[in-house]
Amino acid sequence: MSDREGAEFEMNLYYKSGVEFRRFDDMGKVSGMKTPTLESFFSLVLLFVR
């Protein structure tokens, strides 16, 4: 992020909450974990649609 982009971001009223959210999100990541495909959830979705 450039200095200009950083300054623009900090003008957002909720930027501190956004940064905090990002930090919490990063703490929840498991290094090397493979993310399931969207298709792998299809059968589960169907259980709730019916």
PDB file of N, CA and C in Angstrom:
ATOM      1  N   MET A   1       0.859  -1.170   0.000  1.00  0.00           N
ATOM      2  CA  MET A   1       0.000   0.000   0.000  1.00  0.00           C
ATOM      3  C   MET A   1       0.905   1.234   0.000  1.00  0.00           C
ATOM      4  N   SER A   2       0.619   2.123  -0.875  1.00  0.00           N
ATOM      5  CA  SER A   2       1.407   3.358  -0.944  1.00  0.00           C
ATOM      6  C   SER A   2       1.040   4.284   0.224  1.00  0.00           C
ATOM      7  N   ASP A   3       1.860   5.297   0.433  1.00  0.00           N
ATOM      8  CA  ASP A   3       1.549   6.281   1.480  1.00  0.00           C
ATOM      9  C   ASP A   3       0.203   6.945   1.232  1.00  0.00           C
ATOM     10  N   ARG A   4      -0.058   7.268  -0.043  1.00  0.00           N
ATOM     11  CA  ARG A   4      -1.339   7.894  -0.397  1.00  0.00           C
ATOM     12  C   ARG A   4      -2.504   6.971  -0.093  1.00  0.00           C
ATOM     13  N   GLU A   5      -2.363   5.688  -0.466  1.00  0.00           N
ATOM     14  CA  GLU A   5      -3.417   4.707  -0.203  1.00  0.00           C
ATOM     15  C   GLU A   5      -3.620   4.518   1.300  1.00  0.00           C
ATOM     16  N   GLY A   6      -2.526   4.507   2.057  1.00  0.00           N
ATOM     17  CA  GLY A   6      -2.620   4.379   3.504  1.00  0.00           C
ATOM     18  C   GLY A   6      -3.358   5.552   4.132  1.00  0.00           C
ATOM     19  N   ALA A   7      -3.050   6.746   3.652  1.00  0.00           N
ATOM     20  CA  ALA A   7      -3.726   7.944   4.166  1.00  0.00           C
ATOM     21  C   ALA A   7      -5.214   7.910   3.833  1.00  0.00           C
ATOM     22  N   GLU A   8      -5.550   7.465   2.622  1.00  0.00           N
ATOM     23  CA  GLU A   8      -6.962   7.334   2.232  1.00  0.00           C
ATOM     24  C   GLU A   8      -7.673   6.317   3.122  1.00  0.00           C
ATOM     25  N   PHE A   9      -7.022   5.196   3.359  1.00  0.00           N
ATOM     26  CA  PHE A   9      -7.602   4.141   4.193  1.00  0.00           C
ATOM     27  C   PHE A   9      -7.870   4.660   5.601  1.00  0.00           C
ATOM     28  N   GLU A  10      -6.929   5.422   6.146  1.00  0.00           N
ATOM     29  CA  GLU A  10      -7.077   5.941   7.508  1.00  0.00           C
ATOM     30  C   GLU A  10      -8.159   7.017   7.610  1.00  0.00           C
ATOM     31  N   MET A  11      -8.621   7.540   6.501  1.00  0.00           N
ATOM     32  CA  MET A  11      -9.722   8.511   6.525  1.00  0.00           C
ATOM     33  C   MET A  11     -11.061   7.822   6.763  1.00  0.00           C
ATOM     34  N   ASN A  12     -11.110   6.496   6.562  1.00  0.00           N
ATOM     35  CA  ASN A  12     -12.335   5.741   6.802  1.00  0.00           C
ATOM     36  C   ASN A  12     -12.607   5.721   8.308  1.00  0.00           C
ATOM     37  N   LEU A  13     -13.824   6.012   8.692  1.00  0.00           N
ATOM     38  CA  LEU A  13     -14.203   6.076  10.100  1.00  0.00           C
ATOM     39  C   LEU A  13     -13.916   4.775  10.847  1.00  0.00           C
ATOM     40  N   TYR A  14     -14.007   3.649  10.160  1.00  0.00           N
ATOM     41  CA  TYR A  14     -13.875   2.346  10.818  1.00  0.00           C
ATOM     42  C   TYR A  14     -12.567   1.634  10.479  1.00  0.00           C
ATOM     43  N   TYR A  15     -11.546   2.377  10.068  1.00  0.00           N
ATOM     44  CA  TYR A  15     -10.320   1.710   9.631  1.00  0.00           C
ATOM     45  C   TYR A  15      -9.649   0.936  10.758  1.00  0.00           C
ATOM     46  N   LYS A  16      -9.698   1.427  11.989  1.00  0.00           N
ATOM     47  CA  LYS A  16      -9.062   0.706  13.101  1.00  0.00           C
ATOM     48  C   LYS A  16      -9.754  -0.638  13.340  1.00  0.00           C
ATOM     49  N   SER A  17     -11.061  -0.668  13.235  1.00  0.00           N
ATOM     50  CA  SER A  17     -11.793  -1.928  13.369  1.00  0.00           C
ATOM     51  C   SER A  17     -11.433  -2.880  12.237  1.00  0.00           C
ATOM     52  N   GLY A  18     -11.244  -2.341  11.047  1.00  0.00           N
ATOM     53  CA  GLY A  18     -10.856  -3.164   9.909  1.00  0.00           C
ATOM     54  C   GLY A  18      -9.490  -3.803  10.102  1.00  0.00           C
ATOM     55  N   VAL A  19      -8.559  -3.026  10.632  1.00  0.00           N
ATOM     56  CA  VAL A  19      -7.217  -3.551  10.893  1.00  0.00           C
ATOM     57  C   VAL A  19      -7.278  -4.625  11.976  1.00  0.00           C
ATOM     58  N   GLU A  20      -8.044  -4.373  13.028  1.00  0.00           N
ATOM     59  CA  GLU A  20      -8.187  -5.355  14.101  1.00  0.00           C
ATOM     60  C   GLU A  20      -8.819  -6.641  13.581  1.00  0.00           C
ATOM     61  N   PHE A  21      -9.845  -6.516  12.744  1.00  0.00           N
ATOM     62  CA  PHE A  21     -10.497  -7.680  12.156  1.00  0.00           C
ATOM     63  C   PHE A  21      -9.497  -8.493  11.336  1.00  0.00           C
ATOM     64  N   ARG A  22      -8.688  -7.805  10.554  1.00  0.00           N
ATOM     65  CA  ARG A  22      -7.688  -8.484   9.720  1.00  0.00           C
ATOM     66  C   ARG A  22      -6.685  -9.248  10.579  1.00  0.00           C
ATOM     67  N   ARG A  23      -6.284  -8.664  11.694  1.00  0.00           N
ATOM     68  CA  ARG A  23      -5.331  -9.349  12.587  1.00  0.00           C
ATOM     69  C   ARG A  23      -5.955 -10.617  13.171  1.00  0.00           C
ATOM     70  N   PHE A  24      -7.201 -10.528  13.598  1.00  0.00           N
ATOM     71  CA  PHE A  24      -7.885 -11.714  14.123  1.00  0.00           C
ATOM     72  C   PHE A  24      -8.040 -12.776  13.038  1.00  0.00           C
ATOM     73  N   ASP A  25      -8.362 -12.341  11.831  1.00  0.00           N
ATOM     74  CA  ASP A  25      -8.510 -13.266  10.715  1.00  0.00           C
ATOM     75  C   ASP A  25      -7.189 -13.985  10.439  1.00  0.00           C
ATOM     76  N   ASP A  26      -6.102 -13.248  10.452  1.00  0.00           N
ATOM     77  CA  ASP A  26      -4.785 -13.845  10.205  1.00  0.00           C
ATOM     78  C   ASP A  26      -4.403 -14.839  11.305  1.00  0.00           C
ATOM     79  N   MET A  27      -4.797 -14.567  12.547  1.00  0.00           N
ATOM     80  CA  MET A  27      -4.478 -15.490  13.646  1.00  0.00           C
ATOM     81  C   MET A  27      -5.224 -16.814  13.508  1.00  0.00           C
ATOM     82  N   GLY A  28      -6.349 -16.811  12.802  1.00  0.00           N
ATOM     83  CA  GLY A  28      -7.152 -18.016  12.653  1.00  0.00           C
ATOM     84  C   GLY A  28      -6.726 -18.901  11.494  1.00  0.00           C
ATOM     85  N   LYS A  29      -5.738 -18.466  10.746  1.00  0.00           N
ATOM     86  CA  LYS A  29      -5.291 -19.244   9.584  1.00  0.00           C
ATOM     87  C   LYS A  29      -4.320 -20.331  10.005  1.00  0.00           C
ATOM     88  N   VAL A  30      -4.426 -21.468   9.360  1.00  0.00           N
ATOM     89  CA  VAL A  30      -3.521 -22.585   9.610  1.00  0.00           C
ATOM     90  C   VAL A  30      -2.564 -22.667   8.428  1.00  0.00           C
ATOM     91  N   SER A  31      -1.285 -22.494   8.705  1.00  0.00           N
ATOM     92  CA  SER A  31      -0.280 -22.520   7.646  1.00  0.00           C
ATOM     93  C   SER A  31      -0.265 -23.871   6.940  1.00  0.00           C
ATOM     94  N   GLY A  32      -0.318 -23.820   5.623  1.00  0.00           N
ATOM     95  CA  GLY A  32      -0.268 -25.037   4.828  1.00  0.00           C
ATOM     96  C   GLY A  32      -1.593 -25.752   4.662  1.00  0.00           C
ATOM     97  N   MET A  33      -2.639 -25.282   5.320  1.00  0.00           N
ATOM     98  CA  MET A  33      -3.951 -25.930   5.216  1.00  0.00           C
ATOM     99  C   MET A  33      -4.551 -25.680   3.836  1.00  0.00           C
ATOM    100  N   LYS A  34      -5.029 -26.736   3.206  1.00  0.00           N
ATOM    101  CA  LYS A  34      -5.656 -26.602   1.902  1.00  0.00           C
ATOM    102  C   LYS A  34      -7.123 -26.201   2.092  1.00  0.00           C
ATOM    103  N   THR A  35      -7.545 -25.182   1.374  1.00  0.00           N
ATOM    104  CA  THR A  35      -8.917 -24.708   1.454  1.00  0.00           C
ATOM    105  C   THR A  35      -9.811 -25.584   0.580  1.00  0.00           C
ATOM    106  N   PRO A  36     -10.920 -26.085   1.149  1.00  0.00           N
ATOM    107  CA  PRO A  36     -11.835 -26.904   0.345  1.00  0.00           C
ATOM    108  C   PRO A  36     -12.435 -26.080  -0.804  1.00  0.00           C
ATOM    109  N   THR A  37     -12.793 -26.755  -1.864  1.00  0.00           N
ATOM    110  CA  THR A  37     -13.428 -26.073  -2.991  1.00  0.00           C
ATOM    111  C   THR A  37     -14.876 -25.740  -2.639  1.00  0.00           C
ATOM    112  N   LEU A  38     -15.428 -24.809  -3.347  1.00  0.00           N
ATOM    113  CA  LEU A  38     -16.831 -24.452  -3.150  1.00  0.00           C
ATOM    114  C   LEU A  38     -17.730 -25.651  -3.439  1.00  0.00           C
ATOM    115  N   GLU A  39     -17.370 -26.411  -4.454  1.00  0.00           N
ATOM    116  CA  GLU A  39     -18.159 -27.589  -4.831  1.00  0.00           C
ATOM    117  C   GLU A  39     -18.221 -28.625  -3.713  1.00  0.00           C
ATOM    118  N   SER A  40     -17.207 -28.675  -2.870  1.00  0.00           N
ATOM    119  CA  SER A  40     -17.194 -29.672  -1.798  1.00  0.00           C
ATOM    120  C   SER A  40     -18.286 -29.425  -0.754  1.00  0.00           C
ATOM    121  N   PHE A  41     -18.867 -28.242  -0.749  1.00  0.00           N
ATOM    122  CA  PHE A  41     -19.934 -27.904   0.200  1.00  0.00           C
ATOM    123  C   PHE A  41     -21.331 -28.063  -0.390  1.00  0.00           C
ATOM    124  N   PHE A  42     -21.415 -28.443  -1.651  1.00  0.00           N
ATOM    125  CA  PHE A  42     -22.696 -28.498  -2.348  1.00  0.00           C
ATOM    126  C   PHE A  42     -23.704 -29.412  -1.655  1.00  0.00           C
ATOM    127  N   SER A  43     -23.290 -30.623  -1.269  1.00  0.00           N
ATOM    128  CA  SER A  43     -24.231 -31.549  -0.629  1.00  0.00           C
ATOM    129  C   SER A  43     -24.717 -31.012   0.719  1.00  0.00           C
ATOM    130  N   LEU A  44     -23.857 -30.312   1.432  1.00  0.00           N
ATOM    131  CA  LEU A  44     -24.249 -29.709   2.708  1.00  0.00           C
ATOM    132  C   LEU A  44     -25.274 -28.599   2.484  1.00  0.00           C
ATOM    133  N   VAL A  45     -25.067 -27.790   1.487  1.00  0.00           N
ATOM    134  CA  VAL A  45     -26.009 -26.717   1.161  1.00  0.00           C
ATOM    135  C   VAL A  45     -27.382 -27.297   0.832  1.00  0.00           C
ATOM    136  N   LEU A  46     -27.387 -28.385   0.083  1.00  0.00           N
ATOM    137  CA  LEU A  46     -28.664 -29.003  -0.279  1.00  0.00           C
ATOM    138  C   LEU A  46     -29.458 -29.461   0.934  1.00  0.00           C
ATOM    139  N   LEU A  47     -28.782 -29.859   1.991  1.00  0.00           N
ATOM    140  CA  LEU A  47     -29.484 -30.271   3.225  1.00  0.00           C
ATOM    141  C   LEU A  47     -30.286 -29.115   3.821  1.00  0.00           C
ATOM    142  N   PHE A  48     -29.800 -27.912   3.683  1.00  0.00           N
ATOM    143  CA  PHE A  48     -30.458 -26.754   4.273  1.00  0.00           C
ATOM    144  C   PHE A  48     -31.469 -26.106   3.339  1.00  0.00           C
ATOM    145  N   VAL A  49     -31.387 -26.393   2.063  1.00  0.00           N
ATOM    146  CA  VAL A  49     -32.291 -25.796   1.097  1.00  0.00           C
ATOM    147  C   VAL A  49     -33.631 -26.523   1.060  1.00  0.00           C
ATOM    148  N   ARG A  50     -33.571 -27.789   1.295  1.00  0.00           N
ATOM    149  CA  ARG A  50     -34.788 -28.583   1.199  1.00  0.00           C
ATOM    150  C   ARG A  50     -35.737 -28.361   2.329  1.00  0.00           C
TER     151      ARG A  50
END
